[in-house]
Amino acid sequence: MIKLITGKKGTGKTKILIDQINDAVKSTSGNIVCIEKGDNIRRSISFRVRWCDVEQFSIDSLDSFYGFVAGMLAGNYDIKDIFVDGIFKIAGRDYEAFGAMLEKLDKLTSDDSVITFTVSADESELSENVKQFIK
C-alpha cells in the first residue's frame, strides 16, 4: 500500500511523518525503514528504525529510487513500513513519472506493508496517477 502526505513547504508534513514513524516503532512486528536525502530527521526518530540517506547510495532519479526500494523489499520480507521524506528532493519533480513509479511500487507491497511519502505539492498540482494514492 502507498500513502502520501501532501502539502506545500512548511505545512508540517515532516512532523506528521516523524510522528507516524515513532508510532510505528511502538506497534509494528516488523522492520521499519526511513529514507531521506541528508539527515534532517535522523535524530528525531527511534534508533530502531533503519535509516538511509540516499546520497550515500547515489540515488538521484525515480528509476534508481525504485530499484533501491525494490532491492530492500526483495532482501528483507520483514519490512513492514517504509517512510520517505521529500521524494522530490530525492528524485526530481516529474508528477507523471512519480505516479508511474508509485503504481510500480504499489505492486511490490503486500497488504501488510506500507510505503509513506511526503510530497511537497498541493493536491491540485498533482497528476491523476499520483492523486489515486492520497488517502
Protein backbone atom coordinates (compact mmCIF):
# COMPACT_ATOMS: atom_id res chain seq x y z
CA MET A 1 0.00 0.00 0.00
CA ILE A 2 1.17 3.52 -0.82
CA LYS A 3 0.26 6.57 1.27
CA LEU A 4 1.02 10.20 0.57
CA ILE A 5 1.29 13.16 2.93
CA THR A 6 0.88 16.20 0.69
CA GLY A 7 1.13 19.94 1.18
CA LYS A 8 3.18 22.98 0.36
CA LYS A 9 6.52 23.61 2.04
CA GLY A 10 6.12 24.49 5.72
CA THR A 11 2.76 22.77 6.27
CA GLY A 12 4.07 20.18 8.76
CA LYS A 13 4.46 17.12 6.53
CA THR A 14 7.78 16.07 8.04
CA LYS A 15 6.43 16.45 11.61
CA ILE A 16 3.50 14.19 10.68
CA LEU A 17 5.93 11.69 9.15
CA ILE A 18 8.15 11.68 12.26
CA ASP A 19 5.10 11.04 14.46
CA GLN A 20 3.99 8.18 12.19
CA ILE A 21 7.48 6.66 12.26
CA ASN A 22 7.70 6.75 16.04
CA ASP A 23 4.16 5.38 16.39
CA ALA A 24 5.03 2.53 14.02
CA VAL A 25 8.01 1.61 16.20
CA LYS A 26 5.59 1.03 19.09
CA SER A 27 3.11 -1.04 17.13
CA THR A 28 4.80 -2.94 14.32
CA SER A 29 6.00 -6.50 14.44
CA GLY A 30 8.39 -5.99 11.53
CA ASN A 31 11.20 -3.74 10.40
CA ILE A 32 10.84 -0.03 9.67
CA VAL A 33 12.91 1.95 7.18
CA CYS A 34 13.22 5.72 6.82
CA ILE A 35 14.65 7.14 3.59
CA GLU A 36 15.63 10.77 3.14
CA LYS A 37 18.20 13.00 1.45
CA GLY A 38 20.61 14.18 4.13
CA ASP A 39 19.94 13.61 7.82
CA ASN A 40 17.24 16.13 8.63
CA ILE A 41 15.03 13.78 10.67
CA ARG A 42 17.54 11.14 11.74
CA ARG A 43 17.81 12.42 15.31
CA SER A 44 14.03 12.74 15.68
CA ILE A 45 13.24 9.07 15.06
CA SER A 46 13.82 5.95 17.10
CA PHE A 47 17.16 4.16 16.87
CA ARG A 48 15.16 1.02 15.98
CA VAL A 49 14.39 2.45 12.54
CA ARG A 50 16.75 1.55 9.71
CA TRP A 51 17.70 4.98 8.40
CA CYS A 52 19.02 5.53 4.84
CA ASP A 53 20.48 8.66 3.27
CA VAL A 54 20.01 8.41 -0.49
CA GLU A 55 23.16 10.45 -1.06
CA GLN A 56 25.22 7.53 0.28
CA PHE A 57 23.79 5.33 -2.49
CA SER A 58 23.87 7.90 -5.35
CA ILE A 59 20.09 7.80 -5.75
CA ASP A 60 19.10 10.77 -7.88
CA SER A 61 16.22 9.61 -10.07
CA LEU A 62 12.88 7.85 -9.75
CA ASP A 63 14.30 4.78 -11.51
CA SER A 64 17.22 4.46 -9.11
CA PHE A 65 14.88 5.08 -6.16
CA TYR A 66 12.53 2.34 -7.36
CA GLY A 67 15.43 -0.09 -7.74
CA PHE A 68 16.70 0.75 -4.26
CA VAL A 69 13.31 0.13 -2.62
CA ALA A 70 12.64 -3.00 -4.70
CA GLY A 71 16.02 -4.38 -3.64
CA MET A 72 15.30 -3.68 0.02
CA LEU A 73 11.92 -5.39 -0.16
CA ALA A 74 13.35 -8.37 -2.04
CA GLY A 75 16.12 -8.80 0.51
CA ASN A 76 14.01 -8.41 3.64
CA TYR A 77 10.47 -9.74 3.83
CA ASP A 78 10.16 -8.41 7.39
CA ILE A 79 9.96 -4.77 6.27
CA LYS A 80 6.50 -3.54 7.26
CA ASP A 81 6.86 0.21 6.84
CA ILE A 82 8.99 2.44 4.65
CA PHE A 83 8.83 6.18 5.23
CA VAL A 84 10.23 8.56 2.60
CA ASP A 85 10.75 12.24 3.38
CA GLY A 86 10.96 14.67 0.47
CA ILE A 87 10.70 12.45 -2.60
CA PHE A 88 11.00 15.43 -4.95
CA LYS A 89 14.28 16.47 -3.28
CA ILE A 90 15.49 12.94 -3.91
CA ALA A 91 14.37 12.34 -7.48
CA GLY A 92 13.03 15.49 -9.11
CA ARG A 93 9.56 16.92 -9.65
CA ASP A 94 8.05 14.98 -12.56
CA TYR A 95 4.49 14.25 -11.40
CA GLU A 96 3.61 11.80 -14.19
CA ALA A 97 6.81 9.80 -13.72
CA PHE A 98 6.31 9.86 -9.95
CA GLY A 99 2.79 8.47 -10.40
CA ALA A 100 4.10 5.71 -12.67
CA MET A 101 6.72 4.79 -10.05
CA LEU A 102 4.06 4.72 -7.31
CA GLU A 103 2.00 2.30 -9.40
CA LYS A 104 5.03 0.01 -9.75
CA LEU A 105 5.87 0.24 -6.03
CA ASP A 106 2.26 -0.47 -5.11
CA LYS A 107 2.53 -3.83 -6.88
CA LEU A 108 5.57 -4.71 -4.73
CA THR A 109 3.89 -4.05 -1.42
CA SER A 110 1.75 -6.63 0.30
CA ASP A 111 -1.38 -5.97 2.31
CA ASP A 112 0.66 -5.65 5.49
CA SER A 113 3.43 -3.36 4.21
CA VAL A 114 3.14 0.38 3.60
CA ILE A 115 5.32 2.97 1.89
CA THR A 116 4.54 6.51 3.04
CA PHE A 117 5.88 9.57 1.18
CA THR A 118 5.93 13.26 1.99
CA VAL A 119 5.12 15.17 -1.20
CA SER A 120 5.82 18.91 -1.29
CA ALA A 121 2.98 19.92 -3.56
CA ASP A 122 -0.60 20.97 -3.25
CA GLU A 123 -3.01 18.19 -4.19
CA SER A 124 -4.36 20.30 -7.07
CA GLU A 125 -0.88 20.34 -8.70
CA LEU A 126 -0.53 16.56 -8.80
CA SER A 127 -1.34 14.32 -11.75
CA GLU A 128 -4.22 11.86 -11.53
CA ASN A 129 -1.90 8.86 -11.29
CA VAL A 130 -0.45 10.40 -8.11
CA LYS A 131 -3.77 11.55 -6.61
CA GLN A 132 -5.08 7.98 -6.52
CA PHE A 133 -2.67 7.29 -3.62
CA ILE A 134 -3.80 10.16 -1.41
CA LYS A 135 -5.67 8.63 1.49
